[in-house]
PDB file of N, CA and C in Angstrom:
ATOM      1  N   MET A   1       0.822  -1.189   0.000  1.00  0.00           N
ATOM      2  CA  MET A   1       0.000   0.000   0.000  1.00  0.00           C
ATOM      3  C   MET A   1       0.871   1.259   0.000  1.00  0.00           C
ATOM      4  N   LEU A   2       1.852   1.297   0.903  1.00  0.00           N
ATOM      5  CA  LEU A   2       2.728   2.456   0.971  1.00  0.00           C
ATOM      6  C   LEU A   2       3.569   2.588  -0.289  1.00  0.00           C
ATOM      7  N   ASN A   3       3.988   1.461  -0.862  1.00  0.00           N
ATOM      8  CA  ASN A   3       4.760   1.508  -2.103  1.00  0.00           C
ATOM      9  C   ASN A   3       3.940   2.102  -3.245  1.00  0.00           C
ATOM     10  N   ARG A   4       2.649   1.797  -3.286  1.00  0.00           N
ATOM     11  CA  ARG A   4       1.793   2.356  -4.339  1.00  0.00           C
ATOM     12  C   ARG A   4       1.650   3.867  -4.195  1.00  0.00           C
ATOM     13  N   ILE A   5       1.532   4.345  -2.947  1.00  0.00           N
ATOM     14  CA  ILE A   5       1.414   5.786  -2.706  1.00  0.00           C
ATOM     15  C   ILE A   5       2.700   6.494  -3.104  1.00  0.00           C
ATOM     16  N   ILE A   6       3.834   5.931  -2.717  1.00  0.00           N
ATOM     17  CA  ILE A   6       5.126   6.528  -3.076  1.00  0.00           C
ATOM     18  C   ILE A   6       5.309   6.532  -4.584  1.00  0.00           C
ATOM     19  N   LYS A   7       4.964   5.441  -5.235  1.00  0.00           N
ATOM     20  CA  LYS A   7       5.101   5.362  -6.680  1.00  0.00           C
ATOM     21  C   LYS A   7       4.185   6.375  -7.379  1.00  0.00           C
ATOM     22  N   TYR A   8       2.978   6.563  -6.845  1.00  0.00           N
ATOM     23  CA  TYR A   8       2.048   7.542  -7.421  1.00  0.00           C
ATOM     24  C   TYR A   8       2.640   8.945  -7.371  1.00  0.00           C
ATOM     25  N   PHE A   9       3.175   9.315  -6.208  1.00  0.00           N
ATOM     26  CA  PHE A   9       3.736  10.658  -6.077  1.00  0.00           C
ATOM     27  C   PHE A   9       5.036  10.822  -6.856  1.00  0.00           C
ATOM     28  N   LEU A  10       5.773   9.756  -7.086  1.00  0.00           N
ATOM     29  CA  LEU A  10       6.975   9.853  -7.917  1.00  0.00           C
ATOM     30  C   LEU A  10       6.620  10.060  -9.387  1.00  0.00           C
ATOM     31  N   TYR A  11       5.562   9.421  -9.847  1.00  0.00           N
ATOM     32  CA  TYR A  11       5.172   9.555 -11.252  1.00  0.00           C
ATOM     33  C   TYR A  11       4.371  10.824 -11.522  1.00  0.00           C
ATOM     34  N   ASN A  12       3.653  11.333 -10.541  1.00  0.00           N
ATOM     35  CA  ASN A  12       2.816  12.525 -10.712  1.00  0.00           C
ATOM     36  C   ASN A  12       3.429  13.691  -9.939  1.00  0.00           C
ATOM     37  N   LYS A  13       4.448  14.260 -10.505  1.00  0.00           N
ATOM     38  CA  LYS A  13       5.189  15.312  -9.815  1.00  0.00           C
ATOM     39  C   LYS A  13       4.393  16.607  -9.715  1.00  0.00           C
ATOM     40  N   LEU A  14       3.489  16.869 -10.645  1.00  0.00           N
ATOM     41  CA  LEU A  14       2.669  18.073 -10.563  1.00  0.00           C
ATOM     42  C   LEU A  14       1.713  17.983  -9.374  1.00  0.00           C
ATOM     43  N   VAL A  15       1.104  16.836  -9.181  1.00  0.00           N
ATOM     44  CA  VAL A  15       0.208  16.642  -8.029  1.00  0.00           C
ATOM     45  C   VAL A  15       0.990  16.785  -6.737  1.00  0.00           C
ATOM     46  N   THR A  16       2.186  16.228  -6.682  1.00  0.00           N
ATOM     47  CA  THR A  16       3.028  16.326  -5.493  1.00  0.00           C
ATOM     48  C   THR A  16       3.384  17.779  -5.207  1.00  0.00           C
ATOM     49  N   PHE A  17       3.746  18.528  -6.230  1.00  0.00           N
ATOM     50  CA  PHE A  17       4.110  19.932  -6.061  1.00  0.00           C
ATOM     51  C   PHE A  17       2.909  20.756  -5.597  1.00  0.00           C
ATOM     52  N   LEU A  18       1.744  20.525  -6.180  1.00  0.00           N
ATOM     53  CA  LEU A  18       0.556  21.282  -5.783  1.00  0.00           C
ATOM     54  C   LEU A  18       0.139  20.947  -4.351  1.00  0.00           C
ATOM     55  N   LEU A  19       0.261  19.693  -3.966  1.00  0.00           N
ATOM     56  CA  LEU A  19      -0.050  19.295  -2.601  1.00  0.00           C
ATOM     57  C   LEU A  19       0.931  19.930  -1.612  1.00  0.00           C
ATOM     58  N   LEU A  20       2.200  19.982  -1.977  1.00  0.00           N
ATOM     59  CA  LEU A  20       3.200  20.616  -1.124  1.00  0.00           C
ATOM     60  C   LEU A  20       2.922  22.108  -0.959  1.00  0.00           C
ATOM     61  N   ILE A  21       2.594  22.780  -2.047  1.00  0.00           N
ATOM     62  CA  ILE A  21       2.280  24.213  -1.981  1.00  0.00           C
ATOM     63  C   ILE A  21       1.046  24.440  -1.109  1.00  0.00           C
ATOM     64  N   GLY A  22       0.047  23.581  -1.239  1.00  0.00           N
ATOM     65  CA  GLY A  22      -1.159  23.707  -0.417  1.00  0.00           C
ATOM     66  C   GLY A  22      -0.876  23.509   1.060  1.00  0.00           C
ATOM     67  N   LEU A  23      -0.044  22.531   1.388  1.00  0.00           N
ATOM     68  CA  LEU A  23       0.298  22.293   2.792  1.00  0.00           C
ATOM     69  C   LEU A  23       1.106  23.444   3.386  1.00  0.00           C
ATOM     70  N   VAL A  24       2.021  23.998   2.614  1.00  0.00           N
ATOM     71  CA  VAL A  24       2.813  25.137   3.092  1.00  0.00           C
ATOM     72  C   VAL A  24       1.917  26.355   3.294  1.00  0.00           C
ATOM     73  N   ALA A  25       0.993  26.609   2.361  1.00  0.00           N
ATOM     74  CA  ALA A  25       0.077  27.748   2.489  1.00  0.00           C
ATOM     75  C   ALA A  25      -0.822  27.578   3.704  1.00  0.00           C
ATOM     76  N   TRP A  26      -1.307  26.362   3.933  1.00  0.00           N
ATOM     77  CA  TRP A  26      -2.145  26.112   5.102  1.00  0.00           C
ATOM     78  C   TRP A  26      -1.344  26.299   6.393  1.00  0.00           C
ATOM     79  N   GLY A  27      -0.096  25.860   6.394  1.00  0.00           N
ATOM     80  CA  GLY A  27       0.758  26.034   7.564  1.00  0.00           C
ATOM     81  C   GLY A  27       1.026  27.494   7.870  1.00  0.00           C
ATOM     82  N   ILE A  28       1.203  28.304   6.842  1.00  0.00           N
ATOM     83  CA  ILE A  28       1.417  29.739   7.048  1.00  0.00           C
ATOM     84  C   ILE A  28       0.141  30.390   7.559  1.00  0.00           C
ATOM     85  N   ALA A  29      -1.014  29.946   7.072  1.00  0.00           N
ATOM     86  CA  ALA A  29      -2.288  30.553   7.464  1.00  0.00           C
ATOM     87  C   ALA A  29      -2.616  30.293   8.929  1.00  0.00           C
ATOM     88  N   VAL A  30      -2.243  29.135   9.461  1.00  0.00           N
ATOM     89  CA  VAL A  30      -2.590  28.811  10.851  1.00  0.00           C
ATOM     90  C   VAL A  30      -1.405  28.960  11.803  1.00  0.00           C
ATOM     91  N   ALA A  31      -0.309  29.540  11.348  1.00  0.00           N
ATOM     92  CA  ALA A  31       0.867  29.718  12.200  1.00  0.00           C
ATOM     93  C   ALA A  31       0.539  30.671  13.347  1.00  0.00           C
ATOM     94  N   PRO A  32       0.980  30.359  14.559  1.00  0.00           N
ATOM     95  CA  PRO A  32       0.665  31.225  15.702  1.00  0.00           C
ATOM     96  C   PRO A  32       1.563  32.457  15.792  1.00  0.00           C
ATOM     97  N   PHE A  33       2.388  32.689  14.805  1.00  0.00           N
ATOM     98  CA  PHE A  33       3.293  33.823  14.822  1.00  0.00           C
ATOM     99  C   PHE A  33       2.602  35.039  14.216  1.00  0.00           C
ATOM    100  N   GLY A  34       3.213  36.189  14.320  1.00  0.00           N
ATOM    101  CA  GLY A  34       2.628  37.423  13.826  1.00  0.00           C
ATOM    102  C   GLY A  34       2.976  37.702  12.376  1.00  0.00           C
ATOM    103  N   TRP A  35       2.918  36.695  11.515  1.00  0.00           N
ATOM    104  CA  TRP A  35       3.242  36.895  10.113  1.00  0.00           C
ATOM    105  C   TRP A  35       2.107  37.640   9.434  1.00  0.00           C
ATOM    106  N   ASN A  36       2.432  38.714   8.743  1.00  0.00           N
ATOM    107  CA  ASN A  36       1.424  39.492   8.032  1.00  0.00           C
ATOM    108  C   ASN A  36       1.505  39.146   6.552  1.00  0.00           C
ATOM    109  N   VAL A  37       0.722  38.167   6.148  1.00  0.00           N
ATOM    110  CA  VAL A  37       0.676  37.741   4.753  1.00  0.00           C
ATOM    111  C   VAL A  37      -0.675  38.178   4.204  1.00  0.00           C
ATOM    112  N   ASN A  38      -0.667  39.133   3.291  1.00  0.00           N
ATOM    113  CA  ASN A  38      -1.917  39.688   2.787  1.00  0.00           C
ATOM    114  C   ASN A  38      -2.624  38.756   1.807  1.00  0.00           C
ATOM    115  N   ILE A  39      -1.913  37.795   1.246  1.00  0.00           N
ATOM    116  CA  ILE A  39      -2.513  36.906   0.248  1.00  0.00           C
ATOM    117  C   ILE A  39      -3.441  35.898   0.918  1.00  0.00           C
ATOM    118  N   LEU A  40      -3.026  35.374   2.081  1.00  0.00           N
ATOM    119  CA  LEU A  40      -3.794  34.340   2.770  1.00  0.00           C
ATOM    120  C   LEU A  40      -4.537  34.924   3.963  1.00  0.00           C
ATOM    121  N   PRO A  41      -5.749  34.440   4.238  1.00  0.00           N
ATOM    122  CA  PRO A  41      -6.414  34.874   5.471  1.00  0.00           C
ATOM    123  C   PRO A  41      -5.720  34.266   6.675  1.00  0.00           C
ATOM    124  N   SER A  42      -5.533  35.052   7.691  1.00  0.00           N
ATOM    125  CA  SER A  42      -4.820  34.581   8.876  1.00  0.00           C
ATOM    126  C   SER A  42      -5.817  34.098   9.921  1.00  0.00           C
ATOM    127  N   ASP A  43      -5.688  32.858  10.319  1.00  0.00           N
ATOM    128  CA  ASP A  43      -6.516  32.270  11.369  1.00  0.00           C
ATOM    129  C   ASP A  43      -5.599  31.470  12.278  1.00  0.00           C
ATOM    130  N   PRO A  44      -4.808  32.158  13.122  1.00  0.00           N
ATOM    131  CA  PRO A  44      -3.808  31.445  13.921  1.00  0.00           C
ATOM    132  C   PRO A  44      -4.445  30.542  14.967  1.00  0.00           C
ATOM    133  N   VAL A  45      -3.774  29.453  15.233  1.00  0.00           N
ATOM    134  CA  VAL A  45      -4.187  28.532  16.283  1.00  0.00           C
ATOM    135  C   VAL A  45      -3.776  29.149  17.614  1.00  0.00           C
ATOM    136  N   PRO A  46      -4.699  29.256  18.579  1.00  0.00           N
ATOM    137  CA  PRO A  46      -4.320  29.874  19.850  1.00  0.00           C
ATOM    138  C   PRO A  46      -3.318  29.015  20.620  1.00  0.00           C
ATOM    139  N   VAL A  47      -2.359  29.688  21.220  1.00  0.00           N
ATOM    140  CA  VAL A  47      -1.314  29.007  21.979  1.00  0.00           C
ATOM    141  C   VAL A  47      -1.319  29.567  23.392  1.00  0.00           C
ATOM    142  N   ASP A  48      -1.365  28.687  24.394  1.00  0.00           N
ATOM    143  CA  ASP A  48      -1.311  29.125  25.782  1.00  0.00           C
ATOM    144  C   ASP A  48       0.113  29.538  26.139  1.00  0.00           C
ATOM    145  N   ALA A  49       0.238  30.650  26.839  1.00  0.00           N
ATOM    146  CA  ALA A  49       1.563  31.085  27.254  1.00  0.00           C
ATOM    147  C   ALA A  49       2.118  30.157  28.325  1.00  0.00           C
ATOM    148  N   ILE A  50       1.268  29.769  29.277  1.00  0.00           N
ATOM    149  CA  ILE A  50       1.677  28.845  30.327  1.00  0.00           C
ATOM    150  C   ILE A  50       0.649  27.712  30.340  1.00  0.00           C
ATOM    151  N   PRO A  51       0.987  26.577  29.766  1.00  0.00           N
ATOM    152  CA  PRO A  51       0.016  25.485  29.747  1.00  0.00           C
ATOM    153  C   PRO A  51      -0.222  24.922  31.152  1.00  0.00           C
ATOM    154  N   ASN A  52      -1.400  24.395  31.359  1.00  0.00           N
ATOM    155  CA  ASN A  52      -1.785  23.845  32.648  1.00  0.00           C
ATOM    156  C   ASN A  52      -1.439  22.361  32.677  1.00  0.00           C
ATOM    157  N   TYR A  53      -0.389  22.016  33.423  1.00  0.00           N
ATOM    158  CA  TYR A  53       0.023  20.625  33.549  1.00  0.00           C
ATOM    159  C   TYR A  53      -0.422  20.008  34.868  1.00  0.00           C
ATOM    160  N   GLY A  54      -1.311  20.677  35.576  1.00  0.00           N
ATOM    161  CA  GLY A  54      -1.753  20.181  36.876  1.00  0.00           C
ATOM    162  C   GLY A  54      -2.592  18.913  36.731  1.00  0.00           C
ATOM    163  N   GLU A  55      -2.752  18.235  37.855  1.00  0.00           N
ATOM    164  CA  GLU A  55      -3.540  17.012  37.843  1.00  0.00           C
ATOM    165  C   GLU A  55      -5.023  17.346  37.710  1.00  0.00           C
ATOM    166  N   ASN A  56      -5.718  16.526  36.959  1.00  0.00           N
ATOM    167  CA  ASN A  56      -7.163  16.674  36.853  1.00  0.00           C
ATOM    168  C   ASN A  56      -7.799  15.886  37.988  1.00  0.00           C
ATOM    169  N   GLN A  57      -8.603  16.567  38.784  1.00  0.00           N
ATOM    170  CA  GLN A  57      -9.238  15.906  39.925  1.00  0.00           C
ATOM    171  C   GLN A  57     -10.735  16.169  39.883  1.00  0.00           C
ATOM    172  N   GLN A  58     -11.481  15.181  40.298  1.00  0.00           N
ATOM    173  CA  GLN A  58     -12.917  15.295  40.405  1.00  0.00           C
ATOM    174  C   GLN A  58     -13.315  15.128  41.865  1.00  0.00           C
ATOM    175  N   ILE A  59     -14.217  15.954  42.341  1.00  0.00           N
ATOM    176  CA  ILE A  59     -14.736  15.834  43.697  1.00  0.00           C
ATOM    177  C   ILE A  59     -16.134  15.254  43.603  1.00  0.00           C
ATOM    178  N   VAL A  60     -16.336  14.133  44.275  1.00  0.00           N
ATOM    179  CA  VAL A  60     -17.625  13.448  44.247  1.00  0.00           C
ATOM    180  C   VAL A  60     -18.172  13.405  45.666  1.00  0.00           C
ATOM    181  N   PHE A  61     -19.332  13.999  45.860  1.00  0.00           N
ATOM    182  CA  PHE A  61     -20.006  13.951  47.159  1.00  0.00           C
ATOM    183  C   PHE A  61     -21.029  12.826  47.119  1.00  0.00           C
ATOM    184  N   THR A  62     -20.938  11.933  48.097  1.00  0.00           N
ATOM    185  CA  THR A  62     -21.902  10.828  48.160  1.00  0.00           C
ATOM    186  C   THR A  62     -22.662  10.870  49.456  1.00  0.00           C
TER     187      THR A  62
END
């Protein structure tokens, strides 16, 4: 299965190039940095400054 996918992308270089360009454009569009790219709409993924690594606890009253 993986060999067929690799062979497909080796023979269809235009599809591979267009897919690569699409992935790079999507990565730039959702980058959490302050990149001002007027061509693409910017929708950055929110990033927590200090992530919460505390334990999750539930209190159950019986």
